[in-house]
Amino acid sequence: QTEQAEPTSSPENIIFSSVEARSLTVSWDEVPPSGQNGPITGYLLYYTNTTFSDTINITGGENRSYTLTKLRPYTNYTVTVSAYNDGGTGPASDSRIQQTK
């Protein structure tokens, strides 16, 4: 039995499907099948502004949307998403920047 490898591709098409003063909803497409290396079991959503950073662990490969809350108005947030499987965590997506309202 071979060890499972981590994903070799990142989630695609990261978008902000909702933008409010204190929340941002981030959505993304699944990792391309050729880069999954087995079932995707979750995602790490990393977000940061100039004074703060945090990582959200989203379990379940079908959960491809998350709403960040308690944000600051008129603030730029940078978001990246990585997928993981039983073999480890794959590469981060391209970063996306969005300003709250």
N, C-alpha and C. Protein backbone atom coordinates (compact mmCIF):
# COMPACT_ATOMS: atom_id res chain seq x y z
N GLN A 1 0.85 -1.20 0.00
CA GLN A 1 0.00 0.00 0.00
C GLN A 1 0.88 1.24 0.00
N THR A 2 0.59 2.14 -0.92
CA THR A 2 1.42 3.34 -1.05
C THR A 2 0.85 4.45 -0.18
N GLU A 3 1.74 5.29 0.29
CA GLU A 3 1.32 6.46 1.05
C GLU A 3 0.61 7.44 0.12
N GLN A 4 -0.45 8.03 0.61
CA GLN A 4 -1.15 9.03 -0.18
C GLN A 4 -0.34 10.31 -0.22
N ALA A 5 -0.30 10.93 -1.38
CA ALA A 5 0.40 12.20 -1.53
C ALA A 5 -0.57 13.35 -1.30
N GLU A 6 0.00 14.47 -0.85
CA GLU A 6 -0.83 15.66 -0.68
C GLU A 6 -1.26 16.19 -2.06
N PRO A 7 -2.28 17.04 -2.11
CA PRO A 7 -2.67 17.62 -3.40
C PRO A 7 -1.50 18.38 -4.02
N THR A 8 -1.41 18.29 -5.34
CA THR A 8 -0.34 19.00 -6.04
C THR A 8 -0.85 20.24 -6.75
N SER A 9 -2.15 20.49 -6.69
CA SER A 9 -2.74 21.70 -7.25
C SER A 9 -3.54 22.40 -6.16
N SER A 10 -3.86 23.67 -6.43
CA SER A 10 -4.62 24.46 -5.47
C SER A 10 -6.06 24.64 -5.95
N PRO A 11 -6.96 25.02 -5.04
CA PRO A 11 -8.32 25.37 -5.47
C PRO A 11 -8.28 26.51 -6.48
N GLU A 12 -9.26 26.53 -7.38
CA GLU A 12 -9.28 27.49 -8.47
C GLU A 12 -10.43 28.48 -8.29
N ASN A 13 -10.28 29.63 -8.98
CA ASN A 13 -11.36 30.62 -9.12
C ASN A 13 -11.87 31.10 -7.77
N ILE A 14 -10.95 31.60 -6.95
CA ILE A 14 -11.36 32.16 -5.67
C ILE A 14 -12.08 33.48 -5.94
N ILE A 15 -13.30 33.59 -5.41
CA ILE A 15 -14.09 34.81 -5.60
C ILE A 15 -14.68 35.24 -4.26
N PHE A 16 -15.07 36.51 -4.20
CA PHE A 16 -15.82 37.04 -3.06
C PHE A 16 -17.27 37.14 -3.50
N SER A 17 -18.09 36.20 -3.04
CA SER A 17 -19.48 36.16 -3.51
C SER A 17 -20.37 37.12 -2.73
N SER A 18 -19.87 37.63 -1.60
CA SER A 18 -20.60 38.64 -0.85
C SER A 18 -19.60 39.54 -0.16
N VAL A 19 -19.84 40.85 -0.22
CA VAL A 19 -18.95 41.83 0.41
C VAL A 19 -19.80 42.77 1.25
N GLU A 20 -19.53 42.81 2.54
CA GLU A 20 -20.24 43.70 3.45
C GLU A 20 -19.22 44.49 4.26
N ALA A 21 -19.70 45.32 5.18
CA ALA A 21 -18.78 46.13 5.99
C ALA A 21 -17.95 45.26 6.92
N ARG A 22 -18.59 44.22 7.49
CA ARG A 22 -17.90 43.41 8.50
C ARG A 22 -17.83 41.93 8.14
N SER A 23 -18.14 41.60 6.91
CA SER A 23 -18.03 40.20 6.50
C SER A 23 -17.70 40.09 5.02
N LEU A 24 -17.03 39.00 4.69
CA LEU A 24 -16.72 38.65 3.30
C LEU A 24 -17.03 37.16 3.15
N THR A 25 -17.77 36.82 2.10
CA THR A 25 -17.98 35.41 1.79
C THR A 25 -17.06 35.02 0.65
N VAL A 26 -16.22 34.03 0.90
CA VAL A 26 -15.24 33.55 -0.06
C VAL A 26 -15.73 32.22 -0.62
N SER A 27 -15.69 32.07 -1.93
CA SER A 27 -16.06 30.81 -2.58
C SER A 27 -14.96 30.41 -3.55
N TRP A 28 -14.86 29.12 -3.82
CA TRP A 28 -13.81 28.63 -4.71
C TRP A 28 -14.25 27.34 -5.38
N ASP A 29 -13.58 27.03 -6.48
CA ASP A 29 -13.82 25.78 -7.20
C ASP A 29 -12.89 24.69 -6.68
N GLU A 30 -13.26 23.46 -6.94
CA GLU A 30 -12.47 22.35 -6.42
C GLU A 30 -11.11 22.28 -7.11
N VAL A 31 -10.22 21.57 -6.46
CA VAL A 31 -8.91 21.29 -7.04
C VAL A 31 -9.12 20.45 -8.30
N PRO A 32 -8.41 20.74 -9.39
CA PRO A 32 -8.56 19.91 -10.59
C PRO A 32 -8.30 18.44 -10.26
N PRO A 33 -9.08 17.52 -10.82
CA PRO A 33 -8.94 16.10 -10.47
C PRO A 33 -7.51 15.58 -10.58
N SER A 34 -6.77 16.06 -11.57
CA SER A 34 -5.40 15.57 -11.76
C SER A 34 -4.48 15.97 -10.62
N GLY A 35 -4.88 16.97 -9.84
CA GLY A 35 -4.04 17.45 -8.75
C GLY A 35 -4.54 17.09 -7.37
N GLN A 36 -5.58 16.25 -7.29
CA GLN A 36 -6.16 15.95 -5.97
C GLN A 36 -5.38 14.87 -5.21
N ASN A 37 -4.89 13.86 -5.92
CA ASN A 37 -4.16 12.73 -5.30
C ASN A 37 -4.98 12.08 -4.20
N GLY A 38 -6.24 11.83 -4.48
CA GLY A 38 -7.13 11.23 -3.49
C GLY A 38 -8.17 12.22 -3.04
N PRO A 39 -9.13 11.77 -2.27
CA PRO A 39 -10.24 12.65 -1.88
C PRO A 39 -9.76 13.86 -1.09
N ILE A 40 -10.27 15.03 -1.47
CA ILE A 40 -10.01 16.25 -0.70
C ILE A 40 -10.88 16.19 0.56
N THR A 41 -10.25 16.35 1.72
CA THR A 41 -10.99 16.23 2.97
C THR A 41 -11.21 17.58 3.65
N GLY A 42 -10.67 18.65 3.11
CA GLY A 42 -10.91 19.96 3.68
C GLY A 42 -10.04 21.03 3.07
N TYR A 43 -10.18 22.24 3.60
CA TYR A 43 -9.48 23.41 3.08
C TYR A 43 -8.95 24.25 4.23
N LEU A 44 -7.86 24.94 3.96
CA LEU A 44 -7.34 25.96 4.87
C LEU A 44 -7.51 27.31 4.20
N LEU A 45 -8.27 28.18 4.83
CA LEU A 45 -8.54 29.53 4.32
C LEU A 45 -7.71 30.49 5.15
N TYR A 46 -6.71 31.12 4.52
CA TYR A 46 -5.81 32.04 5.19
C TYR A 46 -6.20 33.45 4.82
N TYR A 47 -6.40 34.30 5.83
CA TYR A 47 -6.73 35.69 5.51
C TYR A 47 -5.94 36.63 6.39
N THR A 48 -5.66 37.79 5.84
CA THR A 48 -4.79 38.73 6.52
C THR A 48 -5.12 40.15 6.10
N ASN A 49 -4.89 41.10 7.02
CA ASN A 49 -4.82 42.51 6.65
C ASN A 49 -3.51 43.04 7.21
N THR A 50 -3.36 44.35 7.32
CA THR A 50 -2.05 44.88 7.70
C THR A 50 -1.69 44.58 9.15
N THR A 51 -2.68 44.26 10.00
CA THR A 51 -2.40 44.08 11.42
C THR A 51 -2.81 42.72 11.96
N PHE A 52 -3.27 41.83 11.10
CA PHE A 52 -3.94 40.63 11.59
C PHE A 52 -3.82 39.53 10.55
N SER A 53 -3.71 38.28 11.02
CA SER A 53 -3.82 37.15 10.11
C SER A 53 -4.41 35.97 10.86
N ASP A 54 -5.10 35.12 10.15
CA ASP A 54 -5.69 33.95 10.77
C ASP A 54 -5.89 32.88 9.70
N THR A 55 -6.00 31.64 10.15
CA THR A 55 -6.28 30.51 9.26
C THR A 55 -7.52 29.79 9.75
N ILE A 56 -8.46 29.56 8.84
CA ILE A 56 -9.69 28.84 9.15
C ILE A 56 -9.57 27.44 8.56
N ASN A 57 -9.82 26.43 9.38
CA ASN A 57 -9.83 25.05 8.92
C ASN A 57 -11.27 24.66 8.57
N ILE A 58 -11.51 24.36 7.31
CA ILE A 58 -12.85 24.02 6.82
C ILE A 58 -12.84 22.54 6.47
N THR A 59 -13.52 21.73 7.27
CA THR A 59 -13.50 20.29 7.04
C THR A 59 -14.60 19.91 6.05
N GLY A 60 -14.27 18.95 5.20
CA GLY A 60 -15.21 18.47 4.19
C GLY A 60 -14.88 19.02 2.82
N GLY A 61 -14.54 18.14 1.90
CA GLY A 61 -14.12 18.59 0.57
C GLY A 61 -15.22 19.25 -0.23
N GLU A 62 -16.48 19.04 0.16
CA GLU A 62 -17.59 19.65 -0.58
C GLU A 62 -17.91 21.05 -0.06
N ASN A 63 -17.28 21.46 1.03
CA ASN A 63 -17.56 22.78 1.62
C ASN A 63 -16.62 23.81 1.00
N ARG A 64 -17.09 24.45 -0.08
CA ARG A 64 -16.22 25.36 -0.83
C ARG A 64 -16.70 26.80 -0.75
N SER A 65 -17.16 27.18 0.43
CA SER A 65 -17.56 28.56 0.69
C SER A 65 -17.45 28.81 2.18
N TYR A 66 -17.06 30.04 2.53
CA TYR A 66 -16.94 30.37 3.94
C TYR A 66 -17.13 31.87 4.11
N THR A 67 -17.85 32.26 5.16
CA THR A 67 -18.05 33.68 5.45
C THR A 67 -17.16 34.10 6.60
N LEU A 68 -16.25 35.03 6.32
CA LEU A 68 -15.41 35.64 7.34
C LEU A 68 -16.21 36.74 8.00
N THR A 69 -16.23 36.75 9.34
CA THR A 69 -17.02 37.74 10.07
C THR A 69 -16.14 38.54 11.02
N LYS A 70 -16.75 39.53 11.65
CA LYS A 70 -16.06 40.42 12.61
C LYS A 70 -14.89 41.13 11.94
N LEU A 71 -15.07 41.50 10.67
CA LEU A 71 -14.03 42.22 9.95
C LEU A 71 -14.18 43.72 10.18
N ARG A 72 -13.19 44.46 9.73
CA ARG A 72 -13.21 45.91 9.88
C ARG A 72 -13.67 46.55 8.57
N PRO A 73 -14.55 47.56 8.64
CA PRO A 73 -14.99 48.24 7.41
C PRO A 73 -13.82 48.95 6.72
N TYR A 74 -13.95 49.10 5.40
CA TYR A 74 -12.98 49.84 4.59
C TYR A 74 -11.56 49.31 4.77
N THR A 75 -11.45 47.99 4.85
CA THR A 75 -10.15 47.37 5.08
C THR A 75 -9.90 46.33 3.99
N ASN A 76 -8.67 46.33 3.46
CA ASN A 76 -8.30 45.32 2.48
C ASN A 76 -7.94 44.02 3.18
N TYR A 77 -8.53 42.93 2.73
CA TYR A 77 -8.20 41.60 3.21
C TYR A 77 -7.63 40.78 2.06
N THR A 78 -6.55 40.06 2.34
CA THR A 78 -5.94 39.17 1.37
C THR A 78 -6.26 37.74 1.76
N VAL A 79 -6.74 36.95 0.79
CA VAL A 79 -7.22 35.60 1.06
C VAL A 79 -6.52 34.61 0.14
N THR A 80 -6.08 33.48 0.69
CA THR A 80 -5.65 32.34 -0.12
C THR A 80 -6.31 31.09 0.44
N VAL A 81 -6.44 30.07 -0.41
CA VAL A 81 -7.06 28.81 -0.01
C VAL A 81 -6.14 27.66 -0.42
N SER A 82 -5.94 26.71 0.50
CA SER A 82 -5.23 25.47 0.21
C SER A 82 -6.17 24.31 0.48
N ALA A 83 -6.01 23.24 -0.27
CA ALA A 83 -6.78 22.02 -0.03
C ALA A 83 -5.89 21.00 0.66
N TYR A 84 -6.53 20.13 1.46
CA TYR A 84 -5.76 19.03 2.04
C TYR A 84 -6.51 17.71 1.88
N ASN A 85 -5.73 16.64 1.94
CA ASN A 85 -6.28 15.28 1.94
C ASN A 85 -5.56 14.50 3.02
N ASP A 86 -5.73 13.20 3.04
CA ASP A 86 -5.10 12.40 4.10
C ASP A 86 -3.58 12.39 4.01
N GLY A 87 -3.04 12.84 2.88
CA GLY A 87 -1.59 12.86 2.71
C GLY A 87 -0.93 14.17 3.09
N GLY A 88 -1.72 15.21 3.31
CA GLY A 88 -1.14 16.50 3.67
C GLY A 88 -1.84 17.65 2.98
N THR A 89 -1.22 18.82 3.09
CA THR A 89 -1.79 20.06 2.56
C THR A 89 -1.10 20.45 1.27
N GLY A 90 -1.89 20.84 0.29
CA GLY A 90 -1.36 21.22 -1.02
C GLY A 90 -0.97 22.69 -1.08
N PRO A 91 -0.57 23.14 -2.27
CA PRO A 91 -0.12 24.53 -2.43
C PRO A 91 -1.26 25.52 -2.27
N ALA A 92 -0.91 26.73 -1.88
CA ALA A 92 -1.90 27.79 -1.73
C ALA A 92 -2.32 28.31 -3.10
N SER A 93 -3.56 28.75 -3.16
CA SER A 93 -4.08 29.36 -4.38
C SER A 93 -3.41 30.71 -4.60
N ASP A 94 -3.66 31.29 -5.75
CA ASP A 94 -3.32 32.70 -5.95
C ASP A 94 -4.07 33.52 -4.90
N SER A 95 -3.44 34.58 -4.42
CA SER A 95 -4.11 35.40 -3.42
C SER A 95 -5.10 36.36 -4.09
N ARG A 96 -6.15 36.65 -3.36
CA ARG A 96 -7.18 37.59 -3.81
C ARG A 96 -7.33 38.65 -2.74
N ILE A 97 -7.48 39.89 -3.18
CA ILE A 97 -7.62 41.02 -2.26
C ILE A 97 -9.00 41.64 -2.44
N GLN A 98 -9.67 41.90 -1.31
CA GLN A 98 -10.98 42.53 -1.36
C GLN A 98 -11.10 43.52 -0.20
N GLN A 99 -11.67 44.67 -0.48
CA GLN A 99 -11.91 45.66 0.57
C GLN A 99 -13.34 45.52 1.07
N THR A 100 -13.49 45.54 2.39
CA THR A 100 -14.83 45.58 2.97
C THR A 100 -15.47 46.93 2.70
N LYS A 101 -16.77 46.99 2.85
CA LYS A 101 -17.51 48.21 2.54
C LYS A 101 -17.46 49.20 3.70
